[in-house]
PDB file of N, CA and C in Angstrom:
ATOM      1  N   MET A   1       0.830  -1.184   0.000  1.00  0.00           N
ATOM      2  CA  MET A   1       0.000   0.000   0.000  1.00  0.00           C
ATOM      3  C   MET A   1       0.875   1.248   0.000  1.00  0.00           C
ATOM      4  N   ASN A   2       0.400   2.223  -0.715  1.00  0.00           N
ATOM      5  CA  ASN A   2       1.119   3.478  -0.800  1.00  0.00           C
ATOM      6  C   ASN A   2       0.439   4.506   0.105  1.00  0.00           C
ATOM      7  N   ARG A   3       1.044   4.762   1.237  1.00  0.00           N
ATOM      8  CA  ARG A   3       0.466   5.663   2.243  1.00  0.00           C
ATOM      9  C   ARG A   3       0.249   7.075   1.690  1.00  0.00           C
ATOM     10  N   LYS A   4       1.176   7.521   0.860  1.00  0.00           N
ATOM     11  CA  LYS A   4       1.074   8.860   0.284  1.00  0.00           C
ATOM     12  C   LYS A   4      -0.185   8.971  -0.586  1.00  0.00           C
ATOM     13  N   ASN A   5      -0.462   7.967  -1.388  1.00  0.00           N
ATOM     14  CA  ASN A   5      -1.662   7.970  -2.235  1.00  0.00           C
ATOM     15  C   ASN A   5      -2.931   7.954  -1.391  1.00  0.00           C
ATOM     16  N   ILE A   6      -2.928   7.172  -0.331  1.00  0.00           N
ATOM     17  CA  ILE A   6      -4.079   7.081   0.568  1.00  0.00           C
ATOM     18  C   ILE A   6      -4.336   8.436   1.222  1.00  0.00           C
ATOM     19  N   ASP A   7      -3.284   9.034   1.763  1.00  0.00           N
ATOM     20  CA  ASP A   7      -3.426  10.334   2.431  1.00  0.00           C
ATOM     21  C   ASP A   7      -3.908  11.405   1.472  1.00  0.00           C
ATOM     22  N   HIS A   8      -3.369  11.405   0.262  1.00  0.00           N
ATOM     23  CA  HIS A   8      -3.774  12.396  -0.738  1.00  0.00           C
ATOM     24  C   HIS A   8      -5.256  12.231  -1.088  1.00  0.00           C
ATOM     25  N   CYS A   9      -5.707  11.003  -1.247  1.00  0.00           N
ATOM     26  CA  CYS A   9      -7.108  10.722  -1.562  1.00  0.00           C
ATOM     27  C   CYS A   9      -8.013  11.192  -0.433  1.00  0.00           C
ATOM     28  N   ILE A  10      -7.666  10.880   0.797  1.00  0.00           N
ATOM     29  CA  ILE A  10      -8.469  11.291   1.952  1.00  0.00           C
ATOM     30  C   ILE A  10      -8.545  12.813   2.022  1.00  0.00           C
ATOM     31  N   GLU A  11      -7.431  13.470   1.825  1.00  0.00           N
ATOM     32  CA  GLU A  11      -7.416  14.935   1.871  1.00  0.00           C
ATOM     33  C   GLU A  11      -8.304  15.525   0.778  1.00  0.00           C
ATOM     34  N   ALA A  12      -8.223  14.964  -0.423  1.00  0.00           N
ATOM     35  CA  ALA A  12      -9.037  15.466  -1.540  1.00  0.00           C
ATOM     36  C   ALA A  12     -10.527  15.308  -1.243  1.00  0.00           C
ATOM     37  N   ILE A  13     -10.906  14.182  -0.691  1.00  0.00           N
ATOM     38  CA  ILE A  13     -12.314  13.939  -0.370  1.00  0.00           C
ATOM     39  C   ILE A  13     -12.761  14.854   0.764  1.00  0.00           C
ATOM     40  N   CYS A  14     -11.959  14.979   1.801  1.00  0.00           N
ATOM     41  CA  CYS A  14     -12.324  15.813   2.956  1.00  0.00           C
ATOM     42  C   CYS A  14     -12.434  17.290   2.586  1.00  0.00           C
ATOM     43  N   GLN A  15     -11.677  17.738   1.612  1.00  0.00           N
ATOM     44  CA  GLN A  15     -11.749  19.134   1.174  1.00  0.00           C
ATOM     45  C   GLN A  15     -13.126  19.477   0.615  1.00  0.00           C
ATOM     46  N   LYS A  16     -13.897  18.472   0.233  1.00  0.00           N
ATOM     47  CA  LYS A  16     -15.224  18.680  -0.357  1.00  0.00           C
ATOM     48  C   LYS A  16     -16.316  18.865   0.698  1.00  0.00           C
ATOM     49  N   GLY A  17     -15.982  18.633   1.964  1.00  0.00           N
ATOM     50  CA  GLY A  17     -16.940  18.849   3.040  1.00  0.00           C
ATOM     51  C   GLY A  17     -17.549  17.563   3.569  1.00  0.00           C
ATOM     52  N   CYS A  18     -18.195  17.701   4.728  1.00  0.00           N
ATOM     53  CA  CYS A  18     -18.734  16.543   5.447  1.00  0.00           C
ATOM     54  C   CYS A  18     -19.777  15.771   4.651  1.00  0.00           C
ATOM     55  N   ASP A  19     -20.674  16.483   3.982  1.00  0.00           N
ATOM     56  CA  ASP A  19     -21.712  15.783   3.226  1.00  0.00           C
ATOM     57  C   ASP A  19     -21.107  14.911   2.129  1.00  0.00           C
ATOM     58  N   GLU A  20     -20.091  15.430   1.463  1.00  0.00           N
ATOM     59  CA  GLU A  20     -19.448  14.657   0.392  1.00  0.00           C
ATOM     60  C   GLU A  20     -18.680  13.465   0.973  1.00  0.00           C
ATOM     61  N   VAL A  21     -18.072  13.655   2.137  1.00  0.00           N
ATOM     62  CA  VAL A  21     -17.381  12.533   2.789  1.00  0.00           C
ATOM     63  C   VAL A  21     -18.385  11.432   3.100  1.00  0.00           C
ATOM     64  N   LEU A  22     -19.534  11.804   3.655  1.00  0.00           N
ATOM     65  CA  LEU A  22     -20.561  10.801   3.961  1.00  0.00           C
ATOM     66  C   LEU A  22     -21.065  10.118   2.700  1.00  0.00           C
ATOM     67  N   ASN A  23     -21.285  10.881   1.629  1.00  0.00           N
ATOM     68  CA  ASN A  23     -21.716  10.287   0.365  1.00  0.00           C
ATOM     69  C   ASN A  23     -20.670   9.314  -0.171  1.00  0.00           C
ATOM     70  N   THR A  24     -19.416   9.686  -0.038  1.00  0.00           N
ATOM     71  CA  THR A  24     -18.325   8.825  -0.501  1.00  0.00           C
ATOM     72  C   THR A  24     -18.289   7.533   0.306  1.00  0.00           C
ATOM     73  N   ILE A  25     -18.414   7.637   1.612  1.00  0.00           N
ATOM     74  CA  ILE A  25     -18.423   6.444   2.462  1.00  0.00           C
ATOM     75  C   ILE A  25     -19.564   5.518   2.050  1.00  0.00           C
ATOM     76  N   HIS A  26     -20.752   6.069   1.883  1.00  0.00           N
ATOM     77  CA  HIS A  26     -21.903   5.247   1.522  1.00  0.00           C
ATOM     78  C   HIS A  26     -21.729   4.599   0.154  1.00  0.00           C
ATOM     79  N   SER A  27     -21.169   5.317  -0.794  1.00  0.00           N
ATOM     80  CA  SER A  27     -20.955   4.717  -2.113  1.00  0.00           C
ATOM     81  C   SER A  27     -19.906   3.608  -2.048  1.00  0.00           C
ATOM     82  N   MET A  28     -18.882   3.804  -1.223  1.00  0.00           N
ATOM     83  CA  MET A  28     -17.852   2.770  -1.074  1.00  0.00           C
ATOM     84  C   MET A  28     -18.431   1.535  -0.384  1.00  0.00           C
ATOM     85  N   GLU A  29     -19.354   1.743   0.548  1.00  0.00           N
ATOM     86  CA  GLU A  29     -20.004   0.604   1.210  1.00  0.00           C
ATOM     87  C   GLU A  29     -20.830  -0.212   0.215  1.00  0.00           C
ATOM     88  N   ARG A  30     -21.311   0.442  -0.835  1.00  0.00           N
ATOM     89  CA  ARG A  30     -22.073  -0.252  -1.880  1.00  0.00           C
ATOM     90  C   ARG A  30     -21.158  -0.898  -2.912  1.00  0.00           C
ATOM     91  N   GLY A  31     -19.856  -0.762  -2.717  1.00  0.00           N
ATOM     92  CA  GLY A  31     -18.903  -1.363  -3.633  1.00  0.00           C
ATOM     93  C   GLY A  31     -18.510  -0.472  -4.798  1.00  0.00           C
ATOM     94  N   GLU A  32     -18.960   0.768  -4.765  1.00  0.00           N
ATOM     95  CA  GLU A  32     -18.620   1.719  -5.820  1.00  0.00           C
ATOM     96  C   GLU A  32     -17.256   2.339  -5.542  1.00  0.00           C
ATOM     97  N   THR A  33     -16.598   2.772  -6.606  1.00  0.00           N
ATOM     98  CA  THR A  33     -15.304   3.427  -6.475  1.00  0.00           C
ATOM     99  C   THR A  33     -15.475   4.900  -6.810  1.00  0.00           C
ATOM    100  N   PRO A  34     -15.284   5.776  -5.827  1.00  0.00           N
ATOM    101  CA  PRO A  34     -15.402   7.203  -6.113  1.00  0.00           C
ATOM    102  C   PRO A  34     -14.261   7.655  -7.027  1.00  0.00           C
ATOM    103  N   PRO A  35     -14.505   8.678  -7.830  1.00  0.00           N
ATOM    104  CA  PRO A  35     -13.467   9.152  -8.760  1.00  0.00           C
ATOM    105  C   PRO A  35     -12.138   9.472  -8.072  1.00  0.00           C
ATOM    106  N   ASP A  36     -12.201  10.031  -6.869  1.00  0.00           N
ATOM    107  CA  ASP A  36     -10.962  10.389  -6.162  1.00  0.00           C
ATOM    108  C   ASP A  36     -10.138   9.163  -5.770  1.00  0.00           C
ATOM    109  N   ALA A  37     -10.757   7.996  -5.746  1.00  0.00           N
ATOM    110  CA  ALA A  37     -10.053   6.774  -5.344  1.00  0.00           C
ATOM    111  C   ALA A  37      -9.842   5.802  -6.500  1.00  0.00           C
ATOM    112  N   ALA A  38     -10.166   6.220  -7.701  1.00  0.00           N
ATOM    113  CA  ALA A  38     -10.086   5.315  -8.856  1.00  0.00           C
ATOM    114  C   ALA A  38      -8.667   4.814  -9.117  1.00  0.00           C
ATOM    115  N   HIS A  39      -7.673   5.594  -8.760  1.00  0.00           N
ATOM    116  CA  HIS A  39      -6.281   5.224  -9.016  1.00  0.00           C
ATOM    117  C   HIS A  39      -5.711   4.291  -7.945  1.00  0.00           C
ATOM    118  N   LEU A  40      -6.469   4.041  -6.894  1.00  0.00           N
ATOM    119  CA  LEU A  40      -5.986   3.206  -5.793  1.00  0.00           C
ATOM    120  C   LEU A  40      -6.317   1.742  -6.024  1.00  0.00           C
ATOM    121  N   ASP A  41      -5.505   0.865  -5.444  1.00  0.00           N
ATOM    122  CA  ASP A  41      -5.826  -0.560  -5.522  1.00  0.00           C
ATOM    123  C   ASP A  41      -6.886  -0.877  -4.457  1.00  0.00           C
ATOM    124  N   PRO A  42      -7.488  -2.059  -4.512  1.00  0.00           N
ATOM    125  CA  PRO A  42      -8.571  -2.382  -3.573  1.00  0.00           C
ATOM    126  C   PRO A  42      -8.201  -2.232  -2.098  1.00  0.00           C
ATOM    127  N   ASP A  43      -6.999  -2.621  -1.724  1.00  0.00           N
ATOM    128  CA  ASP A  43      -6.582  -2.488  -0.323  1.00  0.00           C
ATOM    129  C   ASP A  43      -6.468  -1.021   0.080  1.00  0.00           C
ATOM    130  N   GLU A  44      -5.962  -0.204  -0.819  1.00  0.00           N
ATOM    131  CA  GLU A  44      -5.844   1.221  -0.523  1.00  0.00           C
ATOM    132  C   GLU A  44      -7.224   1.867  -0.418  1.00  0.00           C
ATOM    133  N   ARG A  45      -8.154   1.476  -1.299  1.00  0.00           N
ATOM    134  CA  ARG A  45      -9.514   2.008  -1.224  1.00  0.00           C
ATOM    135  C   ARG A  45     -10.171   1.614   0.095  1.00  0.00           C
ATOM    136  N   GLN A  46      -9.930   0.404   0.538  1.00  0.00           N
ATOM    137  CA  GLN A  46     -10.480  -0.048   1.814  1.00  0.00           C
ATOM    138  C   GLN A  46      -9.898   0.775   2.966  1.00  0.00           C
ATOM    139  N   ALA A  47      -8.620   1.081   2.892  1.00  0.00           N
ATOM    140  CA  ALA A  47      -7.980   1.906   3.916  1.00  0.00           C
ATOM    141  C   ALA A  47      -8.583   3.312   3.921  1.00  0.00           C
ATOM    142  N   VAL A  48      -8.844   3.858   2.741  1.00  0.00           N
ATOM    143  CA  VAL A  48      -9.474   5.178   2.645  1.00  0.00           C
ATOM    144  C   VAL A  48     -10.848   5.141   3.298  1.00  0.00           C
ATOM    145  N   GLN A  49     -11.624   4.116   2.992  1.00  0.00           N
ATOM    146  CA  GLN A  49     -12.967   4.001   3.568  1.00  0.00           C
ATOM    147  C   GLN A  49     -12.906   3.932   5.088  1.00  0.00           C
ATOM    148  N   ARG A  50     -12.029   3.104   5.626  1.00  0.00           N
ATOM    149  CA  ARG A  50     -11.905   2.981   7.081  1.00  0.00           C
ATOM    150  C   ARG A  50     -11.513   4.313   7.720  1.00  0.00           C
ATOM    151  N   GLU A  51     -10.581   5.002   7.106  1.00  0.00           N
ATOM    152  CA  GLU A  51     -10.130   6.269   7.688  1.00  0.00           C
ATOM    153  C   GLU A  51     -11.196   7.349   7.590  1.00  0.00           C
ATOM    154  N   LEU A  52     -11.929   7.382   6.493  1.00  0.00           N
ATOM    155  CA  LEU A  52     -13.020   8.350   6.375  1.00  0.00           C
ATOM    156  C   LEU A  52     -14.077   8.080   7.447  1.00  0.00           C
ATOM    157  N   GLN A  53     -14.381   6.812   7.675  1.00  0.00           N
ATOM    158  CA  GLN A  53     -15.349   6.454   8.715  1.00  0.00           C
ATOM    159  C   GLN A  53     -14.849   6.896  10.087  1.00  0.00           C
ATOM    160  N   ALA A  54     -13.561   6.705  10.343  1.00  0.00           N
ATOM    161  CA  ALA A  54     -12.989   7.104  11.629  1.00  0.00           C
ATOM    162  C   ALA A  54     -13.030   8.626  11.790  1.00  0.00           C
ATOM    163  N   ILE A  55     -12.758   9.347  10.726  1.00  0.00           N
ATOM    164  CA  ILE A  55     -12.809  10.804  10.777  1.00  0.00           C
ATOM    165  C   ILE A  55     -14.232  11.273  11.092  1.00  0.00           C
ATOM    166  N   MET A  56     -15.202  10.715  10.420  1.00  0.00           N
ATOM    167  CA  MET A  56     -16.581  11.144  10.627  1.00  0.00           C
ATOM    168  C   MET A  56     -17.107  10.711  11.984  1.00  0.00           C
ATOM    169  N   ALA A  57     -16.582   9.630  12.537  1.00  0.00           N
ATOM    170  CA  ALA A  57     -16.992   9.181  13.863  1.00  0.00           C
ATOM    171  C   ALA A  57     -16.626  10.216  14.929  1.00  0.00           C
ATOM    172  N   VAL A  58     -15.524  10.915  14.715  1.00  0.00           N
ATOM    173  CA  VAL A  58     -15.103  11.954  15.643  1.00  0.00           C
ATOM    174  C   VAL A  58     -16.154  13.051  15.733  1.00  0.00           C
ATOM    175  N   TYR A  59     -16.817  13.296  14.602  1.00  0.00           N
ATOM    176  CA  TYR A  59     -17.864  14.331  14.549  1.00  0.00           C
ATOM    177  C   TYR A  59     -19.242  13.781  14.872  1.00  0.00           C
ATOM    178  N   GLY A  60     -19.314  12.499  15.209  1.00  0.00           N
ATOM    179  CA  GLY A  60     -20.577  11.878  15.544  1.00  0.00           C
ATOM    180  C   GLY A  60     -21.511  11.740  14.356  1.00  0.00           C
ATOM    181  N   ARG A  61     -20.934  11.706  13.178  1.00  0.00           N
ATOM    182  CA  ARG A  61     -21.754  11.657  11.972  1.00  0.00           C
ATOM    183  C   ARG A  61     -21.655  10.333  11.249  1.00  0.00           C
ATOM    184  N   PHE A  62     -21.029   9.354  11.912  1.00  0.00           N
ATOM    185  CA  PHE A  62     -20.978   8.032  11.297  1.00  0.00           C
ATOM    186  C   PHE A  62     -20.989   6.986  12.370  1.00  0.00           C
TER     187      PHE A  62
END
């Protein structure tokens, strides 16, 4: 896994705001690949999903 790619993807998604982060999480749970994560391999996409969920949990929104 490439940590730099994962971090960059998370930052790009988070820059879009909380609603977009939640939409991204839900689409990833359905097995969809968001455009910001299209360049990642499956393990990296899974890491992005887990980290986005952890970030939103801090705000009580997931």
